[in-house]
């Protein structure tokens, strides 16, 4: 079994942005209680997982927290769990949080990878997305991370909404690659439930991209980044080489065990998956009563695991192993047809999506998972 990963969900960010809907700076009074609850939850799992080789602090904006809080959390994590010497230790960061002092403190806390929520290099777009930083702050943060010795930097960008032209998006990508990040995640804007963006959509004040528009953005993103030396290894993710694939996130796509701590965090091991309550107060109250804050759990059957392996594999350039296919003769006929259409290819015992296939990964999963 591959080494598992540990994920810490931070349910706070600097502002209650229309994209994520997390707790805002106004909820800082909840932080001490949440930290103590997190420590109690960690104690529940000390004996259940072997050595981890990745740690990921994300969800909201971990760098919003004071260094003293981050230091206490990280210290408790390393006291509670074992990590391999070459572990990938990632923190999500907001550009406006990254003073040189904070960056140096993150280095001292053994973080060796930063995933920076740049989202755009256009101030008008950043304002639309509800971000608290300006483009110049993102540029300053990227330069400061390099100056302080970070050699593994990821960058998140968002596309796929009204007002973002194809030319403007390519300009943003051009700006991004000048910083030579080791990793880029390019996401189409989604409309999550109970967020202001969803409300705007419901009122007809903003609309998602039409399918043809979304396809065009996807293809030009992939082609531009591949032309600039990046590997398109997952639907939304690109890396400068295979060693820079996001190790922790890859565990989700490859059915590798992971433990999630914090409100709404998910965990998976063997055939079992469980996830926590979303509310910080409910999460804290459960642990204060000595109870696990689990909202729901499921025990996946072999068939469910097989279907998930297919669905997740079709999101990745490596595809999935042929052993996951059922014995239905009609299935192989469909796969042959998809191969003729240029959406799949077979090789080395695997079913591998082409770029066109990655674009339609959900559809391919329906075709292959029967």
Protein backbone atom coordinates (compact mmCIF):
# COMPACT_ATOMS: atom_id res chain seq x y z
CA UNK A 1 0.00 0.00 0.00
CA UNK A 2 1.26 3.47 -0.88
CA UNK A 3 1.89 5.85 2.00
CA UNK A 4 -1.26 7.76 2.99
CA UNK A 5 -1.68 11.52 3.09
CA UNK A 6 -2.90 13.80 5.87
CA UNK A 7 -5.22 16.71 5.08
CA UNK A 8 -6.13 19.47 7.53
CA UNK A 9 -9.21 21.44 6.53
CA UNK A 10 -8.99 25.10 7.54
CA UNK A 11 -12.55 26.50 7.59
CA UNK A 12 -11.52 30.18 7.73
CA UNK A 13 -10.53 32.76 5.15
CA UNK A 14 -9.85 36.46 5.11
CA UNK A 15 -13.27 37.30 3.71
CA UNK A 16 -16.46 35.38 3.04
CA UNK A 17 -15.86 35.32 -0.69
CA UNK A 18 -18.62 34.50 -3.20
CA UNK A 19 -16.62 31.56 -4.51
CA UNK A 20 -16.02 29.39 -1.45
CA UNK A 21 -18.42 30.63 1.24
CA UNK A 22 -16.06 29.83 4.15
CA UNK A 23 -16.11 31.57 7.50
CA UNK A 24 -14.77 35.09 7.32
CA UNK A 25 -12.42 37.12 9.48
CA UNK A 26 -15.46 37.98 11.63
CA UNK A 27 -15.39 34.41 12.96
CA UNK A 28 -11.94 34.65 14.55
CA UNK A 29 -13.45 34.08 17.99
CA UNK A 30 -14.08 30.48 16.91
CA UNK A 31 -10.43 29.76 16.15
CA UNK A 32 -9.11 28.84 19.66
CA UNK A 33 -12.03 26.48 20.24
CA UNK A 34 -11.56 24.93 16.79
CA UNK A 35 -7.81 24.39 17.39
CA UNK A 36 -8.49 22.53 20.63
CA UNK A 37 -11.12 20.43 18.90
CA UNK A 38 -8.68 19.64 16.09
CA UNK A 39 -6.18 18.32 18.66
CA UNK A 40 -8.84 16.05 20.11
CA UNK A 41 -9.73 14.73 16.67
CA UNK A 42 -6.08 14.01 15.84
CA UNK A 43 -5.87 11.87 18.99
CA UNK A 44 -8.70 9.67 17.68
CA UNK A 45 -6.60 8.51 14.73
CA UNK A 46 -3.06 8.26 16.09
CA UNK A 47 -2.98 4.49 15.88
CA UNK A 48 -5.05 3.95 12.73
CA UNK A 49 -2.70 5.18 10.00
CA UNK A 50 0.92 4.24 9.24
CA UNK A 51 3.61 6.73 8.17
CA UNK A 52 2.31 9.61 6.04
CA UNK A 53 4.29 11.08 3.16
CA UNK A 54 2.20 14.17 2.52
CA UNK A 55 0.58 16.86 4.62
CA UNK A 56 -1.77 19.43 3.15
CA UNK A 57 -3.23 22.43 4.98
CA UNK A 58 -6.01 23.90 2.89
CA UNK A 59 -9.69 24.45 2.42
CA UNK A 60 -10.02 28.07 3.40
CA UNK A 61 -6.91 30.20 3.80
CA UNK A 62 -4.46 28.71 6.33
CA UNK A 63 -2.10 31.68 6.00
CA UNK A 64 -4.90 33.82 7.40
CA UNK A 65 -4.03 32.26 10.78
CA UNK A 66 -1.41 33.77 13.04
CA UNK A 67 1.98 32.09 12.93
CA UNK A 68 1.61 31.17 16.60
CA UNK A 69 -1.60 29.26 15.77
CA UNK A 70 -0.03 27.56 12.74
CA UNK A 71 3.04 26.66 14.80
CA UNK A 72 0.91 25.07 17.53
CA UNK A 73 -1.05 23.08 14.95
CA UNK A 74 1.95 21.88 12.98
CA UNK A 75 3.81 20.98 16.16
CA UNK A 76 0.85 18.93 17.32
CA UNK A 77 0.61 17.20 13.93
CA UNK A 78 4.24 16.11 14.00
CA UNK A 79 3.94 15.05 17.65
CA UNK A 80 0.86 12.95 16.85
CA UNK A 81 1.78 11.32 13.53
CA UNK A 82 4.84 9.93 11.75
CA UNK A 83 6.02 11.31 8.42
CA UNK A 84 8.51 10.00 5.87
CA UNK A 85 11.71 12.09 5.54
CA UNK A 86 10.86 13.13 1.96
CA UNK A 87 7.27 14.13 2.72
CA UNK A 88 5.54 16.81 0.67
CA UNK A 89 4.36 19.46 3.17
CA UNK A 90 1.95 21.90 1.49
CA UNK A 91 0.09 24.97 2.64
CA UNK A 92 -2.48 26.92 0.66
CA UNK A 93 -1.75 30.63 0.76
CA UNK A 94 -3.40 33.93 0.00
CA UNK A 95 -1.00 36.41 -1.67
CA UNK A 96 -1.86 39.30 0.65
CA UNK A 97 -0.93 37.18 3.69
CA UNK A 98 2.62 36.44 2.55
CA UNK A 99 4.91 38.97 4.13
CA UNK A 100 8.56 37.99 4.09
CA UNK A 101 8.32 37.34 7.83
CA UNK A 102 5.44 34.90 7.35
CA UNK A 103 7.17 33.14 4.44
CA UNK A 104 10.30 32.61 6.50
CA UNK A 105 8.14 31.32 9.36
CA UNK A 106 6.49 28.83 6.99
CA UNK A 107 9.95 27.59 6.00
CA UNK A 108 10.82 27.16 9.66
CA UNK A 109 7.63 25.11 10.11
CA UNK A 110 9.02 22.71 7.44
CA UNK A 111 6.55 23.58 4.68
CA UNK A 112 8.29 22.77 1.38
CA UNK A 113 5.44 23.48 -1.03
CA UNK A 114 3.10 26.47 -1.30
CA UNK A 115 -0.11 26.48 -3.32
CA UNK A 116 -0.83 30.14 -4.00
CA UNK A 117 -4.40 31.26 -4.73
CA UNK A 118 -3.50 33.78 -7.42
CA UNK A 119 -6.74 33.22 -9.42
CA UNK A 120 -5.91 36.05 -11.86
CA UNK A 121 -3.42 38.77 -12.69
CA UNK A 122 -6.21 41.20 -13.56
CA UNK A 123 -7.49 43.42 -10.73
CA UNK A 124 -10.96 43.74 -12.26
CA UNK A 125 -11.35 39.96 -12.32
CA UNK A 126 -9.97 39.61 -8.80
CA UNK A 127 -12.59 42.08 -7.54
CA UNK A 128 -15.32 40.13 -9.36
CA UNK A 129 -14.12 36.91 -7.71
CA UNK A 130 -14.23 38.55 -4.29
CA UNK A 131 -10.49 38.18 -3.71
CA UNK A 132 -8.78 40.39 -1.14
CA UNK A 133 -5.50 40.78 -3.03
CA UNK A 134 -4.38 42.76 -6.06
CA UNK A 135 -2.36 41.44 -8.98
CA UNK A 136 0.77 43.25 -7.76
CA UNK A 137 0.48 41.50 -4.40
CA UNK A 138 0.40 38.13 -6.14
CA UNK A 139 3.52 39.02 -8.13
CA UNK A 140 5.26 40.23 -4.99
CA UNK A 141 4.33 37.04 -3.12
CA UNK A 142 5.63 34.81 -5.93
CA UNK A 143 8.95 36.67 -6.03
CA UNK A 144 9.25 36.59 -2.23
CA UNK A 145 8.63 32.82 -2.12
CA UNK A 146 11.51 32.30 -4.55
CA UNK A 147 13.76 34.70 -2.68
CA UNK A 148 13.11 32.77 0.54
CA UNK A 149 14.09 29.48 -1.06
CA UNK A 150 10.80 27.79 -1.99
CA UNK A 151 11.49 25.45 -4.90
CA UNK A 152 8.01 23.96 -5.24
CA UNK A 153 5.31 26.54 -5.90
CA UNK A 154 1.81 25.82 -7.15
CA UNK A 155 -0.49 28.45 -8.57
CA UNK A 156 -4.30 28.37 -8.84
CA UNK A 157 -6.05 30.23 -11.65
CA UNK A 158 -9.77 30.51 -12.51
CA UNK A 159 -11.38 30.89 -15.92
CA UNK A 160 -14.78 30.33 -17.47
CA UNK A 161 -17.04 33.23 -16.60
CA UNK A 162 -18.66 36.18 -18.33
CA UNK A 163 -16.31 39.02 -19.14
CA UNK A 164 -13.15 36.92 -19.46
CA UNK A 165 -12.19 36.86 -23.12
CA UNK A 166 -9.96 34.19 -24.61
CA UNK A 167 -7.27 36.79 -25.31
CA UNK A 168 -7.36 38.01 -21.71
CA UNK A 169 -7.11 34.43 -20.42
CA UNK A 170 -4.06 33.74 -22.59
CA UNK A 171 -2.48 36.96 -21.30
CA UNK A 172 -3.05 35.71 -17.73
CA UNK A 173 -1.43 32.36 -18.59
CA UNK A 174 1.52 34.14 -20.21
CA UNK A 175 2.01 36.15 -17.04
CA UNK A 176 1.75 33.02 -14.89
CA UNK A 177 4.46 31.10 -16.72
CA UNK A 178 6.94 33.98 -16.39
CA UNK A 179 7.17 32.99 -12.70
CA UNK A 180 7.92 29.37 -13.69
CA UNK A 181 5.70 27.73 -11.06
CA UNK A 182 6.29 24.02 -10.69
CA UNK A 183 2.55 23.40 -10.74
CA UNK A 184 -0.53 25.10 -12.17
CA UNK A 185 -4.17 24.34 -11.43
CA UNK A 186 -6.61 25.94 -13.88
CA UNK A 187 -10.23 25.64 -12.79
CA UNK A 188 -13.44 26.58 -14.54
CA UNK A 189 -15.59 28.68 -12.23
CA UNK A 190 -18.24 26.54 -10.56
CA UNK A 191 -21.39 27.59 -8.77
CA UNK A 192 -21.47 26.05 -5.30
CA UNK A 193 -24.68 25.81 -3.31
CA UNK A 194 -25.36 28.54 -0.76
CA UNK A 195 -22.82 30.97 -2.20
CA UNK A 196 -23.43 34.46 -3.65
CA UNK A 197 -22.34 33.24 -7.11
CA UNK A 198 -25.10 30.63 -7.08
CA UNK A 199 -27.59 33.32 -6.06
CA UNK A 200 -26.44 35.56 -8.92
CA UNK A 201 -26.87 32.65 -11.31
CA UNK A 202 -30.37 31.93 -10.01
CA UNK A 203 -31.34 35.57 -10.58
CA UNK A 204 -29.97 35.49 -14.11
CA UNK A 205 -27.28 38.08 -13.35
CA UNK A 206 -24.45 35.71 -14.29
CA UNK A 207 -24.42 32.57 -16.38
CA UNK A 208 -22.07 29.60 -16.68
CA UNK A 209 -20.20 29.16 -19.92
CA UNK A 210 -21.96 27.31 -22.69
CA UNK A 211 -20.48 23.90 -23.41
CA UNK A 212 -18.72 25.00 -26.60
CA UNK A 213 -17.18 28.02 -24.83
CA UNK A 214 -15.97 25.87 -21.94
CA UNK A 215 -14.42 23.38 -24.36
CA UNK A 216 -12.55 26.13 -26.17
CA UNK A 217 -11.08 27.47 -22.91
CA UNK A 218 -10.07 23.96 -21.84
CA UNK A 219 -8.30 23.14 -25.11
CA UNK A 220 -6.45 26.44 -25.42
CA UNK A 221 -5.33 26.20 -21.77
CA UNK A 222 -3.95 22.71 -22.31
CA UNK A 223 -2.23 23.58 -25.58
CA UNK A 224 -0.68 26.78 -24.25
CA UNK A 225 0.73 25.17 -21.11
CA UNK A 226 2.00 22.10 -22.94
CA UNK A 227 3.74 24.42 -25.43
CA UNK A 228 5.39 26.05 -22.39
CA UNK A 229 6.75 22.81 -20.97
CA UNK A 230 3.97 21.64 -18.65
CA UNK A 231 2.50 18.14 -18.46
CA UNK A 232 -1.30 18.03 -18.50
CA UNK A 233 -1.62 15.15 -16.04
CA UNK A 234 -5.14 15.66 -14.67
CA UNK A 235 -8.21 17.47 -16.01
CA UNK A 236 -7.38 20.74 -14.21
CA UNK A 237 -3.73 20.20 -13.27
CA UNK A 238 -0.37 20.78 -14.94
CA UNK A 239 3.19 20.18 -13.73
CA UNK A 240 6.64 21.00 -15.05
CA UNK A 241 7.71 17.35 -14.63
CA UNK A 242 6.38 14.16 -13.07
CA UNK A 243 8.23 14.81 -9.80
CA UNK A 244 6.10 17.95 -9.40
CA UNK A 245 2.71 16.28 -9.67
CA UNK A 246 0.73 17.28 -6.57
CA UNK A 247 1.57 14.26 -4.44
CA UNK A 248 -1.20 14.77 -1.93
CA UNK A 249 -4.01 15.46 -4.39
CA UNK A 250 -2.88 12.50 -6.51
CA UNK A 251 -3.84 10.25 -3.60
CA UNK A 252 -7.49 11.20 -4.11
CA UNK A 253 -7.35 10.27 -7.80
CA UNK A 254 -5.51 6.98 -7.21
CA UNK A 255 -7.49 5.57 -4.27
CA UNK A 256 -4.52 5.95 -1.91
CA UNK A 257 -5.60 6.22 1.76
CA UNK A 258 -5.87 9.68 3.30
CA UNK A 259 -6.97 11.11 6.61
CA UNK A 260 -8.84 14.39 6.78
CA UNK A 261 -9.11 16.40 9.99
CA UNK A 262 -11.32 19.43 10.52
CA UNK A 263 -14.87 20.48 9.64
CA UNK A 264 -16.18 18.87 6.40
CA UNK A 265 -12.89 16.95 5.89
CA UNK A 266 -13.12 13.57 4.14
CA UNK A 267 -11.10 10.42 4.90
CA UNK A 268 -10.60 7.15 3.03
CA UNK A 269 -8.89 3.84 3.79
CA UNK A 270 -9.51 0.40 2.33
CA UNK A 271 -13.17 0.38 1.41
CA UNK A 272 -14.27 2.91 4.03
CA UNK A 273 -14.93 6.60 3.50
CA UNK A 274 -16.26 9.09 6.03
CA UNK A 275 -16.66 12.84 6.31
CA UNK A 276 -17.14 15.37 9.06
CA UNK A 277 -19.84 17.89 9.85
CA UNK A 278 -19.34 21.25 8.13
CA UNK A 279 -20.19 23.55 11.03
CA UNK A 280 -17.24 24.63 13.19
CA UNK A 281 -19.51 24.82 16.22
CA UNK A 282 -20.97 21.34 15.70
CA UNK A 283 -17.49 19.98 15.01
CA UNK A 284 -16.16 21.48 18.24
CA UNK A 285 -19.16 20.44 20.32
CA UNK A 286 -18.89 16.81 19.20
CA UNK A 287 -15.22 16.57 20.15
CA UNK A 288 -15.80 18.34 23.45
CA UNK A 289 -18.29 15.54 24.21
CA UNK A 290 -15.62 12.99 23.30
CA UNK A 291 -17.35 12.01 20.05
CA UNK A 292 -15.97 11.83 16.53
CA UNK A 293 -17.46 14.69 14.44
CA UNK A 294 -18.42 12.33 11.61
CA UNK A 295 -21.49 13.32 9.63
CA UNK A 296 -21.75 10.24 7.42
CA UNK A 297 -19.75 7.14 6.46
CA UNK A 298 -19.93 4.48 3.77
CA UNK A 299 -18.41 1.07 3.17
CA UNK A 300 -17.80 0.75 -0.56
CA UNK A 301 -18.41 -2.55 -2.30
CA UNK A 302 -15.85 -4.02 -4.70
CA UNK A 303 -18.02 -2.90 -7.59
CA UNK A 304 -18.25 0.65 -6.25
CA UNK A 305 -14.46 0.78 -5.83
CA UNK A 306 -14.03 -0.52 -9.38
CA UNK A 307 -16.36 2.13 -10.80
CA UNK A 308 -14.61 4.86 -8.82
CA UNK A 309 -11.21 3.67 -10.10
CA UNK A 310 -12.53 4.03 -13.65
CA UNK A 311 -14.11 7.44 -13.04
CA UNK A 312 -11.06 8.85 -11.29
CA UNK A 313 -8.65 7.28 -13.78
CA UNK A 314 -10.42 8.95 -16.70
CA UNK A 315 -9.64 12.32 -15.11
CA UNK A 316 -5.92 11.57 -15.29
CA UNK A 317 -3.49 11.21 -18.18
CA UNK A 318 -2.42 7.81 -16.85
CA UNK A 319 -5.94 6.39 -17.21
CA UNK A 320 -6.94 3.19 -15.43
CA UNK A 321 -5.95 -0.48 -15.41
CA UNK A 322 -7.86 -2.80 -17.76
CA UNK A 323 -8.56 -5.09 -14.80
CA UNK A 324 -11.24 -2.67 -13.63
CA UNK A 325 -13.42 -3.30 -16.70
CA UNK A 326 -16.36 -5.65 -16.35
CA UNK A 327 -16.77 -8.75 -18.52
CA UNK A 328 -19.65 -7.28 -20.54
CA UNK A 329 -18.79 -7.87 -24.25
CA UNK A 330 -20.72 -4.76 -25.22
CA UNK A 331 -18.40 -2.67 -23.05
CA UNK A 332 -15.39 -3.53 -25.18
CA UNK A 333 -17.33 -2.59 -28.29
CA UNK A 334 -18.07 0.83 -26.77
CA UNK A 335 -14.43 1.29 -25.84
CA UNK A 336 -13.39 0.41 -29.38
CA UNK A 337 -15.86 2.99 -30.66
CA UNK A 338 -14.49 5.64 -28.29
CA UNK A 339 -10.99 4.75 -29.45
CA UNK A 340 -12.07 5.27 -33.07
CA UNK A 341 -13.45 8.69 -32.07
CA UNK A 342 -10.06 9.65 -30.63
CA UNK A 343 -11.28 9.87 -27.03
CA UNK A 344 -9.42 6.86 -25.64
CA UNK A 345 -6.35 4.81 -26.40
CA UNK A 346 -5.17 1.47 -25.08
CA UNK A 347 -1.60 0.77 -24.04
CA UNK A 348 0.41 -1.18 -21.47
CA UNK A 349 -2.69 -2.73 -20.01
CA UNK A 350 -4.42 0.59 -19.42
CA UNK A 351 -7.29 2.62 -20.82
CA UNK A 352 -5.96 6.14 -21.32
CA UNK A 353 -8.00 9.26 -22.13
CA UNK A 354 -6.75 11.53 -24.89
CA UNK A 355 -6.97 15.31 -24.49
CA UNK A 356 -10.39 15.12 -26.10
CA UNK A 357 -11.21 12.36 -23.62
CA UNK A 358 -10.14 14.44 -20.63
CA UNK A 359 -12.53 17.10 -21.83
CA UNK A 360 -15.39 14.58 -21.61
CA UNK A 361 -14.17 12.49 -18.66
CA UNK A 362 -17.60 12.33 -16.99
CA UNK A 363 -19.19 11.05 -20.20
CA UNK A 364 -16.42 8.47 -20.67
CA UNK A 365 -16.92 7.24 -17.12
CA UNK A 366 -20.58 6.54 -17.89
CA UNK A 367 -19.53 4.59 -20.99
CA UNK A 368 -16.80 2.54 -19.30
CA UNK A 369 -18.15 1.85 -15.84
CA UNK A 370 -20.99 -0.52 -16.78
